Protein backbone atom coordinates (compact mmCIF):
# COMPACT_ATOMS: atom_id res chain seq x y z
CA MET A 1 -4.12 -6.15 18.68
CA THR A 2 -2.09 -3.51 16.88
CA VAL A 3 -4.53 -1.22 15.08
CA ALA A 4 -2.23 0.14 12.36
CA PHE A 5 1.37 -0.35 11.22
CA VAL A 6 3.30 2.77 10.22
CA LEU A 7 5.75 1.76 7.49
CA HIS A 8 7.51 5.05 6.77
CA ARG A 9 7.88 8.61 8.02
CA ALA A 10 8.55 11.37 5.51
CA ASP A 11 11.46 12.79 7.49
CA GLY A 12 13.11 9.39 7.75
CA ALA A 13 12.50 9.16 11.50
CA PRO A 14 12.36 5.68 13.04
CA VAL A 15 8.89 4.15 13.36
CA SER A 16 7.53 2.17 16.30
CA THR A 17 6.50 -0.70 14.01
CA ALA A 18 8.54 -3.89 14.46
CA PHE A 19 9.85 -5.35 11.19
CA ARG A 20 11.24 -8.85 10.70
CA ARG A 21 13.65 -9.85 7.96
CA ALA A 22 11.80 -12.46 5.88
CA ALA A 23 10.97 -13.50 2.35
CA PHE A 24 7.42 -13.35 1.05
CA GLY A 25 7.18 -16.89 -0.26
CA THR A 26 9.76 -19.32 -1.60
CA HIS A 27 10.53 -17.46 -4.83
CA ASP A 28 10.49 -13.87 -3.57
CA PRO A 29 12.96 -11.93 -5.79
CA PHE A 30 13.53 -9.43 -2.98
CA ALA A 31 13.97 -12.14 -0.34
CA GLN A 32 17.37 -10.89 0.88
CA HIS A 33 16.17 -7.31 1.12
CA ARG A 34 12.63 -7.55 2.50
CA GLU A 35 11.38 -6.62 5.98
CA ILE A 36 7.81 -7.58 6.87
CA ALA A 37 5.72 -5.58 9.33
CA TRP A 38 2.48 -7.53 8.94
CA GLU A 39 1.55 -10.81 7.29
CA GLY A 40 -1.95 -12.26 7.23
CA SER A 41 -3.39 -15.73 6.89
CA ASP A 42 -5.03 -14.44 3.69
CA SER A 43 -1.62 -14.39 1.94
CA MET A 44 -0.92 -10.66 2.07
CA ALA A 45 2.10 -8.89 3.56
CA ALA A 46 3.10 -5.27 4.12
CA GLY A 47 6.53 -3.86 4.87
CA ARG A 48 9.57 -2.34 3.24
CA VAL A 49 12.49 -3.31 1.04
CA SER A 50 16.02 -1.86 0.97
CA PHE A 51 17.54 -2.85 -2.35
CA ILE A 52 20.66 -2.29 -4.40
CA GLY A 53 21.69 -4.28 -7.46
CA GLU A 54 19.86 -5.90 -10.36
CA ILE A 55 17.46 -8.83 -10.60
CA ASP A 56 15.85 -10.59 -13.56
CA VAL A 57 12.58 -12.41 -12.89
CA ALA A 58 11.10 -14.69 -15.55
CA ARG A 59 7.74 -14.76 -13.79
CA PHE A 60 7.05 -12.45 -10.86
CA PRO A 61 5.73 -14.79 -8.15
CA HIS A 62 3.09 -12.53 -6.57
CA ILE A 63 1.39 -9.14 -6.91
CA GLU A 64 3.25 -6.22 -5.38
CA THR A 65 2.51 -2.53 -5.08
CA LEU A 66 5.50 -0.45 -4.10
CA VAL A 67 6.24 3.23 -3.48
CA VAL A 68 9.83 4.43 -3.51
CA VAL A 69 10.78 6.55 -0.48
CA GLU A 70 14.55 6.79 -1.05
CA GLY A 71 16.80 6.39 -4.11
CA LYS A 72 15.77 5.38 -7.63
CA LEU A 73 14.35 2.12 -8.96
CA THR A 74 14.26 1.18 -12.66
CA LEU A 75 11.74 -1.42 -13.82
CA GLU A 76 11.63 -3.03 -17.25
CA ALA A 77 8.89 -5.39 -18.41
CA ALA A 78 8.60 -6.98 -21.84
CA GLY A 79 6.57 -4.89 -24.26
CA MET A 80 6.17 -1.98 -21.83
CA ALA A 81 7.88 1.37 -21.38
CA THR A 82 10.71 1.43 -18.85
CA LEU A 83 9.72 3.04 -15.55
CA VAL A 84 12.20 5.03 -13.48
CA LEU A 85 10.78 5.59 -10.01
CA GLY A 86 12.08 8.22 -7.62
CA PRO A 87 10.81 9.15 -4.14
CA GLY A 88 7.02 9.34 -4.03
CA ALA A 89 6.50 7.31 -7.23
CA GLY A 90 4.51 4.10 -7.10
CA VAL A 91 3.79 1.09 -9.30
CA VAL A 92 1.89 -2.19 -9.27
CA ILE A 93 3.65 -5.35 -10.51
CA GLY A 94 1.19 -7.99 -11.65
CA GLY A 95 1.71 -11.65 -10.88
CA GLY A 96 3.44 -13.56 -13.69
CA THR A 97 5.21 -10.48 -15.11
CA ALA A 98 8.65 -10.96 -16.71
CA LEU A 99 10.63 -8.20 -15.02
CA ARG A 100 14.05 -6.63 -14.58
CA ALA A 101 14.61 -4.37 -11.55
CA ARG A 102 17.71 -2.25 -11.02
CA ALA A 103 18.91 0.13 -8.32
CA ASP A 104 22.37 1.61 -8.80
CA SER A 105 22.48 2.89 -5.21
CA ARG A 106 20.60 2.03 -2.04
CA THR A 107 16.89 2.32 -2.74
CA VAL A 108 14.10 1.89 -0.20
CA PHE A 109 10.46 1.26 -0.99
CA VAL A 110 7.38 0.45 1.07
CA SER A 111 5.20 -2.30 -0.32
CA CYS A 112 2.09 -4.40 -0.07
CA ALA A 113 2.19 -7.85 -1.69
CA ALA A 114 -0.31 -10.67 -2.16
CA ARG A 115 0.01 -14.23 -3.39
CA CYS A 116 -2.02 -15.17 -6.46
CA ASN A 117 -2.13 -18.75 -7.71
CA GLU A 118 -3.85 -17.80 -10.95
CA PRO A 119 -2.99 -14.18 -11.86
CA THR A 120 -5.61 -12.33 -13.88
CA LYS A 121 -3.53 -9.24 -14.71
CA SER A 122 0.19 -8.93 -15.45
CA GLY A 123 2.53 -6.09 -16.39
CA ILE A 124 3.65 -2.98 -14.52
CA VAL A 125 1.10 -0.24 -13.87
CA PRO A 126 2.20 3.15 -12.50
CA LEU A 127 0.24 4.92 -9.79
CA ARG A 128 -0.48 8.55 -10.59
CA VAL A 129 -0.82 11.58 -8.37
CA ASP A 130 -2.60 13.33 -11.28
CA ALA A 131 -5.08 10.47 -11.48
CA ASP A 132 -8.14 10.23 -13.68
CA PHE A 133 -10.44 10.64 -10.70
CA LYS A 134 -14.07 9.58 -10.86
CA PRO A 135 -16.73 10.01 -8.15
CA SER A 136 -16.82 7.12 -5.69
CA ALA A 137 -19.04 6.13 -2.78
CA THR A 138 -19.14 8.28 0.32
CA LEU A 139 -19.64 6.94 3.86
CA PRO A 140 -22.94 6.02 5.53
CA ALA A 141 -24.35 8.70 7.82
CA GLU A 142 -24.29 6.44 10.90
CA VAL A 143 -20.47 6.31 10.98
CA LEU A 144 -19.85 10.01 10.37
CA LEU A 145 -19.21 12.68 13.01
CA GLY A 146 -19.90 15.53 10.63
CA PRO A 147 -20.75 16.25 6.99
CA ALA A 148 -20.42 13.52 4.37
CA PRO A 149 -17.27 13.85 2.26
CA GLN A 150 -16.99 13.91 -1.50
CA CYS A 151 -14.74 11.02 -2.54
CA ARG A 152 -13.07 10.18 -5.85
CA SER A 153 -10.95 7.27 -7.01
CA ASP A 154 -8.93 5.98 -9.93
CA ASN A 155 -8.55 2.22 -9.64
CA VAL A 156 -5.82 1.22 -12.11
CA PHE A 157 -5.23 -2.41 -11.14
CA THR A 158 -7.48 -5.29 -10.10
CA ASP A 159 -6.59 -8.96 -9.79
CA LYS A 160 -9.81 -10.83 -9.09
CA SER A 161 -8.11 -14.05 -8.03
CA ALA A 162 -6.46 -12.27 -5.09
CA GLU A 163 -9.26 -9.72 -4.55
CA TYR A 164 -6.50 -7.14 -4.83
CA SER A 165 -7.08 -3.59 -6.08
CA ALA A 166 -4.77 -0.57 -6.29
CA GLY A 167 -5.01 3.02 -7.40
CA THR A 168 -5.32 6.61 -6.21
CA TRP A 169 -8.12 8.06 -4.04
CA ASP A 170 -8.94 11.47 -2.65
CA SER A 171 -11.56 13.04 -0.42
CA THR A 172 -12.76 16.26 1.12
CA PRO A 173 -12.32 16.48 4.93
CA TYR A 174 -14.36 14.21 7.18
CA HIS A 175 -14.50 12.65 10.64
CA ARG A 176 -15.49 9.01 11.17
CA ILE A 177 -16.13 6.94 14.28
CA VAL A 178 -13.87 4.08 15.35
CA ARG A 179 -15.12 0.96 13.59
CA PRO A 180 -13.64 -2.33 12.26
CA HIS A 181 -11.75 -1.68 9.03
CA ARG A 182 -13.60 -3.34 6.16
CA VAL A 183 -10.55 -4.46 4.13
CA ASN A 184 -6.82 -5.00 4.36
CA GLU A 185 -5.50 -1.61 3.26
CA PHE A 186 -2.11 -0.12 2.45
CA MET A 187 -2.00 3.69 2.19
CA TYR A 188 0.71 6.11 1.07
CA LEU A 189 -0.42 9.73 1.44
CA VAL A 190 0.39 11.97 -1.52
CA ALA A 191 -1.48 14.99 -0.11
CA GLY A 192 -2.89 16.08 3.23
CA GLY A 193 -2.88 14.44 6.63
CA VAL A 194 -5.01 12.02 8.65
CA ARG A 195 -5.48 11.27 12.35
CA PHE A 196 -6.25 7.59 12.96
CA ALA A 197 -7.98 6.93 16.29
CA ALA A 198 -7.80 3.67 18.27
CA PRO A 199 -10.43 2.36 20.72
CA ASP A 200 -8.27 3.36 23.71
CA GLY A 201 -8.33 7.01 22.59
CA SER A 202 -4.78 7.07 21.25
CA VAL A 203 -4.18 8.73 17.89
CA GLN A 204 -1.71 7.94 15.11
CA SER A 205 -1.08 10.85 12.73
CA LEU A 206 0.02 10.38 9.13
CA GLY A 207 1.15 13.11 6.73
CA THR A 208 2.16 13.55 3.11
CA GLY A 209 4.91 11.16 2.07
CA GLU A 210 4.12 8.64 4.82
CA ALA A 211 2.79 5.08 4.66
CA ILE A 212 0.61 2.89 6.88
CA PHE A 213 -1.07 -0.51 6.75
CA VAL A 214 -4.40 -1.28 8.43
CA PRO A 215 -5.51 -4.94 8.64
CA GLN A 216 -9.10 -5.91 7.99
CA GLY A 217 -11.10 -5.89 11.20
CA ALA A 218 -8.79 -3.51 13.06
CA PRO A 219 -10.89 -0.94 14.96
CA ILE A 220 -9.88 2.49 13.71
CA GLY A 221 -11.28 5.99 13.22
CA TRP A 222 -10.43 8.68 10.67
CA GLU A 223 -10.21 12.47 10.95
CA SER A 224 -8.97 14.72 8.16
CA ARG A 225 -9.21 18.52 8.11
CA GLU A 226 -8.04 19.08 4.55
CA ARG A 227 -8.15 17.31 1.20
CA VAL A 228 -6.42 13.95 1.46
CA ALA A 229 -5.09 11.93 -1.47
CA LYS A 230 -3.46 8.53 -1.25
CA PHE A 231 -2.11 5.64 -3.23
CA TYR A 232 -3.95 2.59 -1.94
CA VAL A 233 -4.08 -1.17 -2.02
CA THR A 234 -7.18 -2.98 -0.76
CA GLN A 235 -7.87 -6.65 -0.34
CA ASN A 236 -11.30 -7.87 0.68
CA VAL A 237 -11.11 -11.16 2.58
CA GLN A 238 -13.29 -13.14 4.96
CA THR A 239 -10.76 -13.23 7.78
CA SER A 240 -7.46 -11.54 8.55
CA THR A 241 -5.09 -12.85 11.22
CA GLU A 242 -2.08 -10.86 12.32
CA ARG A 243 1.20 -12.74 12.38
CA GLY A 244 3.73 -9.94 12.08
């Protein structure tokens, strides 16, 4: 079992993750441009999109969080301010949103998408580095290999039908044992660095401007030696089967 899937390196270096060219569902507006690294039986997928052109979508067919890593993406949704996203900027697109997306030159973004048969939140919601952080739960003492961290979060999007949440999170340094990951989680680091440990002792390092996906149940540890902040997507499901 692959523990974690690196989706992007900040310096543009190739990643070891294997991507496959595939649409996420029948009506995926980015079908011709999408590469999937992981797809689960719980109707979530993580990967990247390389896009140029313009698309109009009457009803966005799923939920998608994306972070631009190259180029510029313009998003317009009815009744909402136009968003122009450059490298490091992120947004959540709610299911059912009427949307226009445009990229005048090649634009690459990493993403985490989930199907939702009955969307509970639509529109486009930006992710913010300067988030309105609020204290959030720390970790239980039995999984820590040192002092408990102080954690904060700013959850800006929740769709209950898909058990899908997105926002910004940060934490003081901490070290955690290898344990099964509790949720499907997409992470894009906006500050700091993390060392992710696997059961075999190998370590995957992630730094600012880089993205990773960890499936629910994957055994993984965490070590950070500085403040870490990330854009995140989480999905809490009963089971998670790797197909990618």
